[in-house]
Protein backbone atom coordinates (compact mmCIF):
# COMPACT_ATOMS: atom_id res chain seq x y z
CA UNK A 1 84.16 110.17 64.51
CA UNK A 2 87.42 108.58 63.39
CA UNK A 3 89.90 111.06 64.92
CA UNK A 4 92.44 109.33 62.70
CA UNK A 5 95.10 112.03 62.92
CA UNK A 6 94.72 112.40 66.70
CA UNK A 7 94.97 108.66 67.37
CA UNK A 8 98.01 108.45 65.11
CA UNK A 9 99.78 111.29 66.96
CA UNK A 10 98.80 109.87 70.33
CA UNK A 11 100.16 106.45 69.46
CA UNK A 12 103.42 107.89 68.17
CA UNK A 13 103.82 109.70 71.50
CA UNK A 14 103.09 106.72 73.77
CA UNK A 15 104.84 103.97 71.80
CA UNK A 16 107.94 102.68 73.59
CA UNK A 17 110.72 100.75 71.90
CA UNK A 18 113.80 98.91 73.09
CA UNK A 19 116.37 101.70 72.87
CA UNK A 20 120.08 101.17 72.39
CA UNK A 21 120.57 102.20 76.04
CA UNK A 22 118.18 99.49 77.23
CA UNK A 23 119.86 96.94 74.99
CA UNK A 24 123.21 97.90 76.55
CA UNK A 25 121.73 97.49 80.04
CA UNK A 26 120.39 94.07 79.11
CA UNK A 27 123.79 92.97 77.77
CA UNK A 28 125.51 94.29 80.88
CA UNK A 29 123.26 92.27 83.19
CA UNK A 30 123.62 89.16 81.08
CA UNK A 31 127.41 89.47 81.32
CA UNK A 32 127.28 90.04 85.09
CA UNK A 33 125.10 87.00 85.65
CA UNK A 34 127.25 84.82 83.41
CA UNK A 35 130.41 85.88 85.25
CA UNK A 36 129.12 85.78 88.84
CA UNK A 37 126.13 83.45 89.18
CA UNK A 38 127.90 80.16 88.33
CA UNK A 39 130.76 81.08 90.71
CA UNK A 40 128.37 81.82 93.59
CA UNK A 41 126.57 78.55 92.95
CA UNK A 42 129.89 76.69 92.85
CA UNK A 43 130.75 78.07 96.30
CA UNK A 44 127.63 76.28 97.55
CA UNK A 45 128.42 73.05 95.67
CA UNK A 46 125.84 73.67 92.95
CA UNK A 47 127.12 73.10 89.43
CA UNK A 48 125.78 75.54 86.83
CA UNK A 49 127.93 76.35 83.81
CA UNK A 50 128.05 79.73 82.15
CA UNK A 51 127.05 78.02 78.89
CA UNK A 52 123.92 76.65 80.61
CA UNK A 53 122.42 80.11 81.09
CA UNK A 54 119.68 81.04 78.64
CA UNK A 55 118.34 84.63 78.52
CA UNK A 56 115.13 85.72 76.82
CA UNK A 57 112.84 88.73 76.92
CA UNK A 58 109.34 88.58 78.37
CA UNK A 59 106.58 91.13 78.73
CA UNK A 60 105.55 94.14 76.68
CA UNK A 61 108.90 94.84 75.07
CA UNK A 62 109.19 91.27 73.80
CA UNK A 63 105.89 91.58 71.89
CA UNK A 64 106.17 95.30 71.00
CA UNK A 65 103.25 96.60 73.05
CA UNK A 66 105.16 98.71 75.60
CA UNK A 67 104.15 102.30 76.30
CA UNK A 68 105.90 105.45 77.47
CA UNK A 69 103.14 107.65 78.89
CA UNK A 70 101.94 109.43 82.03
CA UNK A 71 105.25 109.12 83.87
CA UNK A 72 105.18 105.35 83.56
CA UNK A 73 108.60 103.87 84.25
CA UNK A 74 110.33 101.52 81.85
CA UNK A 75 109.53 97.94 82.82
CA UNK A 76 111.87 95.40 81.24
CA UNK A 77 111.55 91.64 81.78
CA UNK A 78 114.71 89.61 81.27
CA UNK A 79 114.17 85.94 82.07
CA UNK A 80 117.04 83.66 83.08
CA UNK A 81 116.68 79.91 82.54
CA UNK A 82 119.08 77.03 83.12
CA UNK A 83 119.01 73.23 83.56
CA UNK A 84 118.27 72.46 87.20
CA UNK A 85 116.78 69.51 89.06
CA UNK A 86 113.75 70.87 90.90
CA UNK A 87 113.14 67.53 92.62
CA UNK A 88 116.52 67.55 94.31
CA UNK A 89 116.44 71.32 94.94
CA UNK A 90 112.92 72.00 96.13
CA UNK A 91 113.66 75.27 97.93
CA UNK A 92 113.70 77.72 95.02
CA UNK A 93 114.40 80.61 97.40
CA UNK A 94 118.02 79.49 97.67
CA UNK A 95 118.95 79.62 93.98
CA UNK A 96 116.88 82.77 93.60
CA UNK A 97 118.96 84.38 96.34
CA UNK A 98 122.19 83.44 94.55
CA UNK A 99 120.84 85.10 91.40
CA UNK A 100 120.08 88.22 93.44
CA UNK A 101 123.60 88.23 94.85
CA UNK A 102 125.11 88.06 91.36
CA UNK A 103 123.67 91.47 90.40
CA UNK A 104 123.58 93.19 93.80
CA UNK A 105 125.95 96.18 93.74
CA UNK A 106 126.05 99.43 95.71
CA UNK A 107 124.36 101.60 93.09
CA UNK A 108 121.21 99.51 92.62
CA UNK A 109 118.01 98.91 94.52
CA UNK A 110 117.31 95.16 94.59
CA UNK A 111 113.94 93.69 95.55
CA UNK A 112 113.32 90.00 96.12
CA UNK A 113 109.73 89.61 94.89
CA UNK A 114 107.40 86.63 94.61
CA UNK A 115 107.79 86.07 90.84
CA UNK A 116 111.23 87.62 90.24
CA UNK A 117 114.23 89.65 91.33
CA UNK A 118 113.80 93.35 90.51
CA UNK A 119 116.50 95.96 89.95
CA UNK A 120 115.22 99.53 90.22
CA UNK A 121 116.93 102.72 89.10
CA UNK A 122 115.92 106.10 90.52
CA UNK A 123 116.25 109.60 89.12
CA UNK A 124 115.50 112.52 91.41
CA UNK A 125 113.96 110.16 93.94
CA UNK A 126 111.49 108.78 91.38
CA UNK A 127 111.65 105.41 89.66
CA UNK A 128 113.15 105.81 86.20
CA UNK A 129 113.04 102.19 85.13
CA UNK A 130 113.25 98.71 86.54
CA UNK A 131 114.26 95.32 85.24
CA UNK A 132 112.54 92.14 86.40
CA UNK A 133 114.48 88.89 86.39
CA UNK A 134 112.17 85.86 86.48
CA UNK A 135 114.24 82.74 87.18
CA UNK A 136 113.35 79.45 85.51
CA UNK A 137 114.67 75.96 86.08
CA UNK A 138 114.56 73.69 83.02
CA UNK A 139 113.78 70.16 84.21
CA UNK A 140 112.68 67.27 81.99
CA UNK A 141 112.23 69.75 79.11
CA UNK A 142 109.77 71.83 81.14
CA UNK A 143 110.12 75.30 82.63
CA UNK A 144 109.60 75.96 86.34
CA UNK A 145 109.38 79.49 87.74
CA UNK A 146 111.00 80.21 91.13
CA UNK A 147 108.12 81.72 93.13
CA UNK A 148 108.14 83.06 96.67
CA UNK A 149 109.73 85.77 98.75
CA UNK A 150 113.06 85.18 100.46
CA UNK A 151 111.73 84.45 103.95
CA UNK A 152 108.21 83.36 103.07
CA UNK A 153 106.91 79.89 103.85
CA UNK A 154 104.85 80.07 100.67
CA UNK A 155 107.31 79.17 97.92
CA UNK A 156 107.95 76.60 95.22
CA UNK A 157 108.76 75.81 91.61
CA UNK A 158 105.71 76.63 89.49
CA UNK A 159 105.32 74.81 86.20
CA UNK A 160 105.24 77.50 83.51
CA UNK A 161 105.34 78.00 79.77
CA UNK A 162 106.79 81.48 79.11
CA UNK A 163 107.73 80.77 75.52
CA UNK A 164 104.35 79.21 74.83
CA UNK A 165 102.66 82.37 76.11
CA UNK A 166 104.74 84.54 73.80
CA UNK A 167 103.94 82.28 70.84
CA UNK A 168 100.23 82.46 71.72
CA UNK A 169 100.26 86.27 71.78
CA UNK A 170 102.35 86.61 68.65
CA UNK A 171 99.82 84.43 66.87
CA UNK A 172 97.40 87.36 67.26
CA UNK A 173 99.88 90.23 67.01
CA UNK A 174 101.93 89.28 63.95
CA UNK A 175 101.11 91.60 61.03
CA UNK A 176 98.42 93.26 63.17
CA UNK A 177 99.54 96.82 64.02
CA UNK A 178 96.00 97.95 64.86
CA UNK A 179 95.77 95.32 67.61
CA UNK A 180 99.13 96.46 69.02
CA UNK A 181 97.86 100.05 69.04
CA UNK A 182 94.65 98.97 70.75
CA UNK A 183 96.63 97.25 73.50
CA UNK A 184 98.67 100.41 74.05
CA UNK A 185 95.47 102.49 74.30
CA UNK A 186 94.13 100.08 76.93
CA UNK A 187 97.33 100.45 78.94
CA UNK A 188 97.05 104.25 78.79
CA UNK A 189 93.48 104.01 80.04
CA UNK A 190 94.72 101.90 82.96
CA UNK A 191 97.33 104.49 83.96
CA UNK A 192 94.83 107.31 83.61
CA UNK A 193 91.94 105.60 85.43
CA UNK A 194 93.55 103.86 88.40
CA UNK A 195 95.71 104.80 91.36
CA UNK A 196 99.30 104.09 90.28
CA UNK A 197 100.37 103.96 93.94
CA UNK A 198 98.23 100.87 94.46
CA UNK A 199 99.22 98.31 91.85
CA UNK A 200 96.88 95.70 93.31
CA UNK A 201 93.82 97.57 92.08
CA UNK A 202 95.12 98.03 88.53
CA UNK A 203 94.33 95.45 85.86
CA UNK A 204 97.66 93.86 84.87
CA UNK A 205 99.01 94.53 81.39
CA UNK A 206 98.82 90.81 80.59
CA UNK A 207 95.10 90.90 81.44
CA UNK A 208 94.44 93.76 79.03
CA UNK A 209 96.62 92.13 76.37
CA UNK A 210 94.77 88.82 76.59
CA UNK A 211 91.37 90.53 76.47
CA UNK A 212 92.38 92.62 73.47
CA UNK A 213 93.59 89.53 71.61
CA UNK A 214 90.37 87.71 72.44
CA UNK A 215 87.96 90.47 71.41
CA UNK A 216 89.79 92.47 68.74
CA UNK A 217 88.28 92.95 65.27
CA UNK A 218 89.96 95.05 62.61
CA UNK A 219 87.97 98.22 61.94
CA UNK A 220 88.29 100.51 58.92
CA UNK A 221 86.49 103.47 57.43
CA UNK A 222 87.13 104.70 53.89
CA UNK A 223 89.88 102.05 53.65
CA UNK A 224 91.76 103.56 56.62
CA UNK A 225 92.15 102.06 60.08
CA UNK A 226 89.48 103.31 62.48
CA UNK A 227 91.20 103.02 65.87
CA UNK A 228 88.31 104.55 67.80
CA UNK A 229 85.95 101.88 66.49
CA UNK A 230 88.47 99.09 67.13
CA UNK A 231 89.08 100.26 70.71
CA UNK A 232 85.37 100.70 71.38
CA UNK A 233 84.63 97.22 70.06
CA UNK A 234 87.11 95.63 72.52
CA UNK A 235 85.95 97.69 75.50
CA UNK A 236 82.26 97.01 74.80
CA UNK A 237 82.94 93.26 74.64
CA UNK A 238 84.80 93.40 77.94
CA UNK A 239 81.89 95.28 79.48
CA UNK A 240 79.35 92.85 78.05
CA UNK A 241 81.31 89.88 79.36
CA UNK A 242 81.14 91.17 82.93
CA UNK A 243 78.05 89.89 84.70
CA UNK A 244 76.09 93.14 84.95
CA UNK A 245 73.44 91.44 87.14
CA UNK A 246 75.93 90.77 89.94
CA UNK A 247 76.77 93.51 92.41
CA UNK A 248 80.15 91.95 93.09
CA UNK A 249 81.40 90.14 89.98
CA UNK A 250 84.47 87.95 89.92
CA UNK A 251 85.98 88.56 86.50
CA UNK A 252 88.51 85.87 85.62
CA UNK A 253 91.08 86.18 82.82
CA UNK A 254 93.21 83.05 82.84
CA UNK A 255 96.55 82.48 81.17
CA UNK A 256 96.07 80.40 78.00
CA UNK A 257 99.10 78.21 78.84
CA UNK A 258 100.57 76.52 81.92
CA UNK A 259 99.95 77.35 84.78
CA UNK A 260 96.57 78.73 83.56
CA UNK A 261 96.35 81.09 86.55
CA UNK A 262 93.87 83.94 86.87
CA UNK A 263 95.70 87.14 85.90
CA UNK A 264 93.04 89.11 87.82
CA UNK A 265 93.67 87.36 91.12
CA UNK A 266 94.79 90.52 92.95
CA UNK A 267 91.68 92.43 91.89
CA UNK A 268 89.45 89.45 92.60
CA UNK A 269 90.82 89.23 96.14
CA UNK A 270 89.17 92.53 97.12
CA UNK A 271 85.52 93.49 96.64
CA UNK A 272 86.28 97.22 96.32
CA UNK A 273 88.86 96.49 93.60
CA UNK A 274 86.35 94.35 91.73
CA UNK A 275 83.71 97.08 91.90
CA UNK A 276 86.18 99.75 90.81
CA UNK A 277 87.29 97.68 87.81
CA UNK A 278 83.68 97.14 86.73
CA UNK A 279 82.79 100.84 87.19
CA UNK A 280 85.85 101.98 85.25
CA UNK A 281 85.11 99.62 82.36
CA UNK A 282 81.51 100.82 82.22
CA UNK A 283 82.66 104.46 82.13
CA UNK A 284 85.29 103.60 79.49
CA UNK A 285 82.63 102.13 77.22
CA UNK A 286 80.28 105.09 77.83
CA UNK A 287 82.86 107.75 76.95
CA UNK A 288 83.96 105.93 73.79
CA UNK A 289 80.31 105.48 72.78
CA UNK A 290 79.77 109.20 73.31
CA UNK A 291 82.82 109.88 71.13
CA UNK A 292 81.47 107.64 68.35
CA UNK A 293 78.10 109.39 68.46
CA UNK A 294 79.42 112.95 68.78
CA UNK A 295 78.44 115.41 66.09
CA UNK A 296 81.92 116.80 65.55
CA UNK A 297 85.52 115.72 66.06
CA UNK A 298 86.22 118.32 68.75
CA UNK A 299 83.50 116.92 71.00
CA UNK A 300 84.54 113.37 70.14
CA UNK A 301 88.12 114.16 71.08
CA UNK A 302 87.04 115.55 74.45
CA UNK A 303 85.29 112.27 75.27
CA UNK A 304 88.35 110.24 74.25
CA UNK A 305 90.63 112.45 76.33
CA UNK A 306 88.52 111.67 79.41
CA UNK A 307 89.57 108.03 79.26
CA UNK A 308 92.99 108.13 77.57
CA UNK A 309 94.25 111.22 79.37
CA UNK A 310 95.59 114.68 78.70
CA UNK A 311 98.18 113.51 76.19
CA UNK A 312 95.38 112.84 73.70
CA UNK A 313 95.10 115.89 71.44
CA UNK A 314 91.60 117.29 70.96
CA UNK A 315 90.89 118.74 67.49
CA UNK A 316 90.15 122.44 67.38
CA UNK A 317 86.50 123.39 67.45
CA UNK A 318 85.28 124.23 63.99
CA UNK A 319 83.32 127.44 63.48
CA UNK A 320 80.54 127.08 60.95
CA UNK A 321 80.42 129.32 57.86
CA UNK A 322 77.39 131.24 59.04
CA UNK A 323 79.04 132.24 62.30
CA UNK A 324 82.25 133.20 60.47
CA UNK A 325 80.27 135.36 58.01
CA UNK A 326 78.49 137.13 60.86
CA UNK A 327 81.78 137.85 62.63
CA UNK A 328 83.35 139.28 59.46
CA UNK A 329 80.45 141.57 58.58
CA UNK A 330 79.77 142.71 62.14
CA UNK A 331 83.26 144.16 62.38
CA UNK A 332 82.24 146.83 59.87
CA UNK A 333 78.89 147.64 61.40
């Protein structure tokens, strides 16, 4: 069952793009940081020039795999990098705090998180969108991410390769719209299957993106993209790669570039999260397999909706000719 029309409509509905409003927000923050951050640093005898500041996008919007579905808020990643000696300035919390101060105004909610500074906007008491600001020092031609909370004793400059990661992903994604769609479907499954109020139990978007890139194969039927088959192929390979003989599997998905960390570390830190992830993947594969093997597109669509959510349109149930004929003739006795 291809469900070509339904997958196409679903993708059109969930696809998120960088709107003109978001671009304006990004420019506004860049201007604020350029105008305030160097001055704040100068007050503390740290020399950073406005011209030293380098901004670049990270995350889903930078590689065109963002979604707008199931009340998910807009999540924008705007990295800030600048030349900085990490050997002479080992406490990254300090410079990270100055960055926070440069964008902290009365109408914003600012959170000082381990990997970034986050600005959150609320509408009607609910999060509308947030912007993450990872802060990188460029030292000896290498990037170092400022990690750690403001008052935590666990902090430091982490060697990173954000641009290398983007290049790695774009190597798979360039001229590959079916892979981009598959990644968006996986993200919708995540939002539909897991508790959004507990982010630690949800597989991170980077995890799903890396797995999709690793396992994706283009699938067609009658010379048209078969998104159901492509999605099923990725999910089945994820399921098969999990050790089904272990009751409590640790499933590692490491970054392909420095620092090569396990993107599943939050899930792997909790046995109930690990079990839930495995169970959800197994159910995902089962429902997609049922959809592939269904005898009609209505039934197939119902199986897909179970895993992708209510926004997936189920085709109308077709009435066979014999039943139609009976209904027409029976009206006249």
